[in-house]
Protein backbone atom coordinates (compact mmCIF):
# COMPACT_ATOMS: atom_id res chain seq x y z
CA MET A 1 277.48 -19.76 23.92
CA LYS A 2 273.81 -18.80 24.27
CA TYR A 3 273.27 -19.71 20.61
CA PHE A 4 274.73 -23.19 21.09
CA LYS A 5 272.60 -23.80 24.18
CA GLN A 6 269.46 -22.83 22.27
CA LEU A 7 270.50 -25.04 19.34
CA SER A 8 271.19 -27.98 21.65
CA LEU A 9 267.81 -27.56 23.32
CA LEU A 10 266.07 -27.42 19.94
CA LEU A 11 267.85 -30.57 18.74
CA PHE A 12 266.94 -32.38 21.95
CA ILE A 13 263.25 -31.44 21.56
CA LEU A 14 263.25 -32.60 17.93
CA PHE A 15 264.90 -35.88 18.94
CA CYS A 16 262.26 -36.52 21.62
CA GLN A 17 259.45 -35.75 19.16
CA CYS A 18 260.92 -38.16 16.64
CA MET A 19 261.22 -40.88 19.28
CA VAL A 20 257.61 -40.37 20.37
CA GLY A 21 256.41 -40.52 16.79
CA GLN A 22 258.21 -43.76 15.97
CA ASP A 23 256.30 -47.02 15.90
CA LYS A 24 257.70 -49.83 18.04
CA ASN A 25 257.61 -53.40 16.76
CA TYR A 26 257.58 -56.32 19.17
CA ILE A 27 257.16 -60.06 19.39
CA LEU A 28 255.01 -60.94 22.42
CA ALA A 29 255.30 -64.40 23.98
CA LEU A 30 253.46 -65.81 26.97
CA SER A 31 255.31 -67.65 29.72
CA LYS A 32 253.09 -69.90 31.80
CA GLY A 33 256.05 -70.73 34.01
CA SER A 34 256.79 -67.13 35.03
CA LYS A 35 253.23 -65.76 34.53
CA LYS A 36 254.52 -63.02 32.24
CA VAL A 37 254.29 -61.53 28.76
CA VAL A 38 257.84 -61.64 27.42
CA VAL A 39 258.55 -58.77 25.00
CA TYR A 40 261.16 -59.14 22.23
CA ASN A 41 262.58 -56.75 19.67
CA TYR A 42 260.77 -57.64 16.45
CA ASN A 43 263.89 -57.66 14.25
CA THR A 44 266.69 -58.88 16.50
CA LEU A 45 264.56 -61.04 18.82
CA ASP A 46 266.51 -59.67 21.76
CA SER A 47 264.57 -59.55 25.02
CA VAL A 48 263.17 -56.10 25.89
CA THR A 49 261.22 -56.75 29.09
CA ALA A 50 258.76 -59.11 30.79
CA ILE A 51 255.36 -57.96 32.05
CA PRO A 52 253.72 -59.77 34.99
CA VAL A 53 250.14 -60.90 34.36
CA GLU A 54 247.69 -63.31 35.99
CA GLU A 55 248.15 -67.05 36.54
CA ASP A 56 248.16 -69.52 33.62
CA PRO A 57 248.41 -67.24 30.53
CA HIS A 58 247.47 -69.13 27.34
CA GLU A 59 246.43 -66.98 24.36
CA ILE A 60 247.22 -63.39 23.36
CA VAL A 61 245.79 -60.89 20.83
CA THR A 62 246.22 -57.15 20.30
CA ASN A 63 243.84 -54.35 19.35
CA ASN A 64 243.90 -52.51 16.02
CA ASP A 65 246.41 -49.78 16.88
CA GLY A 66 248.65 -52.07 18.88
CA SER A 67 248.20 -50.12 22.09
CA LEU A 68 246.70 -53.00 24.09
CA ALA A 69 247.16 -56.75 24.39
CA TYR A 70 244.62 -59.18 25.85
CA VAL A 71 245.76 -62.38 27.58
CA SER A 72 243.43 -65.24 28.53
CA HIS A 73 243.84 -67.19 31.79
CA PRO A 74 241.78 -70.39 31.62
CA ILE A 75 243.27 -72.14 34.68
CA LEU A 76 242.20 -75.46 33.21
CA ASN A 77 242.03 -77.35 36.53
CA GLY A 78 239.79 -74.76 38.13
CA ALA A 79 237.30 -72.11 37.16
CA GLY A 80 239.33 -69.33 35.55
CA HIS A 81 237.49 -66.11 34.82
CA LYS A 82 240.17 -63.53 33.99
CA ILE A 83 241.59 -61.80 30.92
CA SER A 84 244.56 -59.47 31.47
CA VAL A 85 244.77 -56.17 29.59
CA VAL A 86 248.36 -55.03 28.94
CA ASN A 87 249.27 -51.49 27.89
CA LEU A 88 251.90 -51.86 25.15
CA GLN A 89 252.85 -48.19 25.24
CA THR A 90 253.88 -48.31 28.90
CA LEU A 91 254.65 -52.06 28.85
CA ARG A 92 252.65 -52.59 32.01
CA LYS A 93 249.51 -54.51 32.90
CA GLU A 94 246.61 -52.06 32.86
CA LYS A 95 243.68 -54.01 34.29
CA THR A 96 241.93 -57.38 34.54
CA ILE A 97 238.61 -58.26 32.88
CA ASP A 98 236.39 -60.50 35.01
CA THR A 99 234.52 -62.80 32.58
CA LYS A 100 232.13 -64.29 35.17
CA PRO A 101 229.70 -65.96 34.74
CA PHE A 102 231.56 -67.23 31.68
CA TYR A 103 234.34 -69.46 32.94
CA THR A 104 237.66 -70.75 31.62
CA PRO A 105 238.34 -68.15 28.89
CA HIS A 106 240.81 -69.39 26.28
CA GLY A 107 240.65 -68.66 22.54
CA LEU A 108 240.74 -64.96 21.64
CA VAL A 109 239.93 -62.83 18.58
CA TYR A 110 239.89 -59.01 18.47
CA LEU A 111 237.64 -57.45 15.82
CA ASN A 112 236.13 -53.94 15.57
CA ASN A 113 236.49 -53.00 19.25
CA LYS A 114 235.08 -56.38 20.29
CA LEU A 115 237.01 -59.10 22.09
CA TRP A 116 235.65 -62.54 21.24
CA PHE A 117 236.62 -65.39 23.57
CA THR A 118 235.79 -69.03 24.13
CA ALA A 119 234.49 -69.91 27.59
CA GLN A 120 235.36 -73.60 27.90
CA GLY A 121 233.81 -74.06 31.30
CA SER A 122 230.55 -72.52 30.11
CA LYS A 123 230.39 -74.26 26.72
CA SER A 124 230.11 -70.97 24.91
CA VAL A 125 231.67 -68.12 22.94
CA ALA A 126 231.25 -64.61 24.34
CA VAL A 127 231.72 -61.14 22.84
CA TYR A 128 233.13 -58.41 25.09
CA ASN A 129 232.63 -54.77 24.07
CA THR A 130 235.95 -53.12 24.91
CA GLN A 131 234.47 -49.60 24.73
CA LYS A 132 231.59 -50.35 27.11
CA ASP A 133 233.55 -52.83 29.25
CA SER A 134 230.76 -55.38 29.17
CA ILE A 135 229.80 -58.67 27.55
CA GLU A 136 227.21 -57.92 24.89
CA GLN A 137 226.55 -61.30 23.28
CA VAL A 138 226.94 -65.00 24.04
CA PHE A 139 226.70 -68.06 21.80
CA GLY A 140 226.12 -71.42 23.45
CA THR A 141 227.83 -74.30 21.66
CA GLY A 142 226.39 -77.01 23.91
CA GLN A 143 229.71 -78.80 23.38
CA ASP A 144 232.50 -79.80 25.71
CA PHE A 145 235.83 -77.91 25.86
CA THR A 146 235.06 -75.12 23.38
CA HIS A 147 238.68 -74.16 22.85
CA LEU A 148 240.08 -72.17 19.90
CA LEU A 149 238.37 -69.54 17.78
CA TYR A 150 238.38 -67.98 14.30
CA VAL A 151 236.09 -65.07 13.31
CA THR A 152 235.72 -64.02 9.68
CA PRO A 153 236.73 -60.40 8.91
CA ASP A 154 233.10 -59.34 8.35
CA GLY A 155 232.08 -60.78 11.73
CA ASN A 156 229.24 -62.81 10.20
CA ARG A 157 230.79 -66.25 10.71
CA PHE A 158 232.97 -67.91 13.29
CA TYR A 159 234.41 -71.35 13.92
CA THR A 160 235.52 -73.08 17.10
CA THR A 161 236.85 -76.51 18.02
CA ASN A 162 235.07 -78.46 20.76
CA VAL A 163 237.91 -80.77 21.77
CA GLU A 164 236.22 -83.34 24.01
CA SER A 165 233.00 -83.48 21.96
CA GLY A 166 235.06 -83.98 18.80
CA THR A 167 233.25 -81.33 16.78
CA VAL A 168 233.78 -78.05 14.97
CA SER A 169 231.08 -75.41 15.46
CA ILE A 170 230.21 -73.36 12.38
CA PHE A 171 228.21 -70.30 13.44
CA GLU A 172 226.70 -68.11 10.72
CA LYS A 173 224.49 -65.03 10.79
CA LYS A 174 221.68 -65.86 8.34
CA GLN A 175 218.60 -64.26 6.89
CA LEU A 176 215.73 -66.56 7.88
CA PRO A 177 212.08 -66.63 6.84
CA PRO A 178 209.44 -65.43 9.31
CA TYR A 179 208.83 -67.73 12.25
CA MET A 180 205.81 -69.94 11.58
CA PRO A 181 203.52 -70.08 14.66
CA PRO A 182 201.78 -73.35 15.68
CA THR A 183 198.61 -72.16 13.93
CA GLY A 184 200.35 -72.55 10.58
CA VAL A 185 199.23 -69.06 9.59
CA LEU A 186 201.71 -66.20 9.35
CA PRO A 187 200.66 -62.92 10.99
CA ALA A 188 200.01 -60.06 8.61
CA ASN A 189 203.13 -58.20 9.78
CA ALA A 190 205.48 -61.22 9.64
CA LYS A 191 208.98 -60.39 8.47
CA SER A 192 212.18 -62.25 7.77
CA ARG A 193 214.79 -62.18 10.54
CA LEU A 194 218.58 -62.06 10.81
CA GLU A 195 219.74 -64.65 13.34
CA TRP A 196 222.73 -66.83 14.19
CA ARG A 197 222.63 -70.57 13.47
CA GLN A 198 225.09 -73.33 14.44
CA VAL A 199 226.10 -76.38 12.42
CA LEU A 200 228.23 -79.07 14.08
CA VAL A 201 230.75 -81.05 12.03
CA ASP A 202 232.09 -84.28 13.54
CA VAL A 203 235.89 -84.25 13.28
CA GLY A 204 236.72 -86.74 16.05
CA PRO A 205 237.68 -86.32 19.73
CA GLY A 206 240.86 -84.39 20.47
CA ALA A 207 240.81 -82.07 17.45
CA GLU A 208 242.15 -78.82 18.87
CA GLY A 209 244.39 -76.64 16.70
CA PHE A 210 242.89 -75.44 13.43
CA ASP A 211 243.21 -72.83 10.71
CA VAL A 212 241.12 -71.50 7.83
CA SER A 213 242.42 -71.23 4.27
CA PRO A 214 242.94 -67.74 2.78
CA ASP A 215 239.95 -68.20 0.47
CA GLY A 216 237.74 -69.13 3.44
CA LYS A 217 236.66 -72.42 1.87
CA GLU A 218 238.54 -74.94 4.01
CA LEU A 219 239.18 -75.55 7.70
CA TRP A 220 242.08 -77.81 8.63
CA THR A 221 242.33 -79.40 12.07
CA ALA A 222 244.36 -82.21 13.63
CA ARG A 223 243.86 -84.92 16.24
CA PRO A 224 246.34 -86.52 18.69
CA ASP A 225 245.73 -89.94 17.07
CA GLY A 226 247.68 -88.68 14.03
CA PHE A 227 244.85 -87.68 11.71
CA ILE A 228 244.40 -84.36 9.92
CA VAL A 229 240.79 -83.51 9.07
CA VAL A 230 239.83 -81.11 6.27
CA VAL A 231 236.37 -79.51 6.50
CA ASP A 232 234.58 -78.02 3.48
CA LEU A 233 233.18 -74.79 4.94
CA GLU A 234 230.79 -74.24 2.03
CA LYS A 235 229.23 -77.71 2.22
CA GLN A 236 229.79 -77.79 6.00
CA LYS A 237 231.09 -81.35 6.08
CA VAL A 238 234.37 -83.29 6.18
CA LYS A 239 235.97 -83.51 2.75
CA ALA A 240 239.17 -85.42 3.59
CA THR A 241 241.11 -87.17 6.36
CA ILE A 242 244.87 -87.66 6.24
CA ASP A 243 246.72 -90.25 8.32
CA THR A 244 250.14 -88.81 9.18
CA HIS A 245 251.16 -91.77 11.38
CA VAL A 246 252.52 -89.20 13.86
CA LEU A 247 250.92 -89.23 17.31
CA GLY A 248 250.31 -86.18 19.46
CA LEU A 249 249.28 -83.73 16.74
CA HIS A 250 248.30 -80.58 18.57
CA ARG A 251 248.24 -77.31 16.63
CA LEU A 252 248.43 -76.33 12.98
CA LYS A 253 248.67 -73.20 10.85
CA ILE A 254 248.56 -72.50 7.13
CA MET A 255 251.67 -70.75 5.81
CA PRO A 256 251.26 -67.17 4.53
CA ASP A 257 251.45 -68.38 0.90
CA GLY A 258 248.32 -70.48 1.52
CA GLN A 259 249.90 -73.54 -0.08
CA THR A 260 251.34 -75.46 2.86
CA VAL A 261 249.96 -76.50 6.25
CA CYS A 262 252.31 -76.81 9.24
CA ILE A 263 251.37 -79.25 12.01
CA VAL A 264 253.25 -79.87 15.26
CA SER A 265 253.27 -82.86 17.61
CA VAL A 266 253.50 -82.20 21.34
CA LYS A 267 254.31 -85.90 21.82
CA THR A 268 257.06 -86.65 19.29
CA GLY A 269 258.45 -83.16 18.63
CA ASP A 270 257.85 -83.44 14.88
CA LEU A 271 256.94 -80.56 12.57
CA LEU A 272 255.08 -81.64 9.43
CA TYR A 273 254.64 -79.65 6.22
CA TYR A 274 251.62 -80.84 4.20
CA ASN A 275 250.62 -79.60 0.75
CA ARG A 276 247.12 -78.10 0.82
CA GLN A 277 246.23 -79.23 -2.68
CA THR A 278 247.71 -82.74 -2.87
CA HIS A 279 247.41 -83.56 0.87
CA LYS A 280 250.90 -85.03 0.62
CA LEU A 281 253.76 -84.66 3.09
CA GLU A 282 256.34 -82.16 1.81
CA GLN A 283 258.79 -82.26 4.71
CA GLN A 284 259.20 -83.56 8.24
CA MET A 285 261.66 -82.34 10.87
CA ASN A 286 262.09 -82.62 14.63
CA ILE A 287 262.16 -79.27 16.41
CA GLY A 288 260.78 -79.97 19.90
CA LYS A 289 257.39 -80.68 21.42
CA GLY A 290 255.31 -78.03 19.70
CA ALA A 291 252.20 -76.83 21.50
CA GLY A 292 251.42 -73.61 19.65
CA ILE A 293 252.16 -71.91 16.31
CA TYR A 294 252.22 -68.28 15.23
CA MET A 295 252.74 -67.31 11.58
CA ASP A 296 254.24 -63.85 11.12
CA LYS A 297 253.31 -62.92 7.56
CA ALA A 298 255.33 -59.68 7.45
CA SER A 299 258.67 -61.41 8.11
CA ASN A 300 257.68 -64.85 6.77
CA ARG A 301 258.71 -66.41 10.08
CA MET A 302 257.03 -69.13 12.12
CA PHE A 303 257.17 -69.21 15.91
CA VAL A 304 256.55 -72.60 17.54
CA SER A 305 256.04 -72.71 21.31
CA CYS A 306 257.54 -75.93 22.61
CA THR A 307 255.93 -75.74 26.03
CA PRO A 308 257.37 -78.93 27.62
CA ASP A 309 260.85 -78.01 26.35
CA ASN A 310 260.83 -74.41 27.64
CA TYR A 311 261.71 -72.69 24.39
CA ILE A 312 260.21 -71.10 21.28
CA VAL A 313 261.61 -72.15 17.92
CA VAL A 314 261.82 -69.45 15.24
CA ILE A 315 261.80 -70.76 11.66
CA ASP A 316 262.53 -68.90 8.42
CA LEU A 317 259.71 -70.04 6.13
CA ASN A 318 261.74 -69.28 2.99
CA THR A 319 264.42 -71.80 3.92
CA ARG A 320 262.40 -73.82 6.47
CA LYS A 321 265.39 -73.70 8.79
CA VAL A 322 265.55 -72.87 12.49
CA ILE A 323 267.10 -69.42 12.91
CA LYS A 324 266.79 -68.99 16.67
CA LYS A 325 265.53 -70.49 19.93
CA LEU A 326 264.02 -68.21 22.54
CA HIS A 327 264.29 -69.70 26.02
CA VAL A 328 260.99 -69.17 27.83
CA SER A 329 259.55 -71.00 30.83
CA ARG A 330 256.61 -73.05 29.49
CA PRO A 331 255.79 -70.78 26.52
CA ASP A 332 252.37 -70.67 24.92
CA GLY A 333 250.67 -67.92 22.87
CA VAL A 334 252.84 -65.75 20.58
CA THR A 335 251.98 -62.75 18.42
CA SER A 336 253.60 -59.69 16.82
CA VAL A 337 252.54 -56.07 17.19
CA ARG A 338 253.33 -52.60 15.92
CA VAL A 339 252.66 -50.07 18.66
CA GLN A 340 251.67 -46.80 17.00
């Protein structure tokens, strides 16, 4: 009997160690209606739990090891200044970052222990050092409604849409010649300098959702008047405009294969598939009033948040068919995570 008790105890300890060592995979979806992060099983899409956060959650990103999620709270009709930090190991909110004096945080990117965010109310992009718990750098766009954000993997370039100004900001860290003083004579110790520079590309008012091609050469964005705009990121100018004749275009993402661009309309409920090379429509289907898109490369699934319709559509990108609807009160940002 003593032997069996010892064996049972040993097996229980081994089981617990195995459970602790296992990674957990989730889909995370924001609910603006319930002010929560809704957690789903990555494979089955069954609901696991819902984590209360601050008012008006919009965008969500996770850190490198999947232990933390960051949720922006712009509060568009006021002066939002909060980003929630959620512990994905305990599935509880851990703390709140106060972004003041940078107001209305929205677009988020996590890169190398830095949380980049757009501050719409302050016409800027800020960089928050997550290890020092402080904002360490700010870039003023001088544009209205600086909204969504993309940072290149090396951190030397970033792009953002300025919705009301109708522009895309291209920020690049560049090696510049020494500053020439008014005298016209360079000091003896003059040296070149590494500084950030902004170029504005006019894409038309309302351009909000955007994505960058896998080769980093193109930026695609869309406007509510039905036009898609393609920006050449090397020449830093518009290279093409496409009239879809579909009003209310809101967000877009490039499929994991890099060949097709998916665009949703929050007005008509249409989902458009456009070929990146030919700029021709491949397919059009009605799925609901899409207001956000997340491409999950690992499973080749697309998650479309249909905010006015209170559900998230899950699409198998291999078949381009709807495989599930997740009922969420006013859903917005979606992402996937592996918690190590």
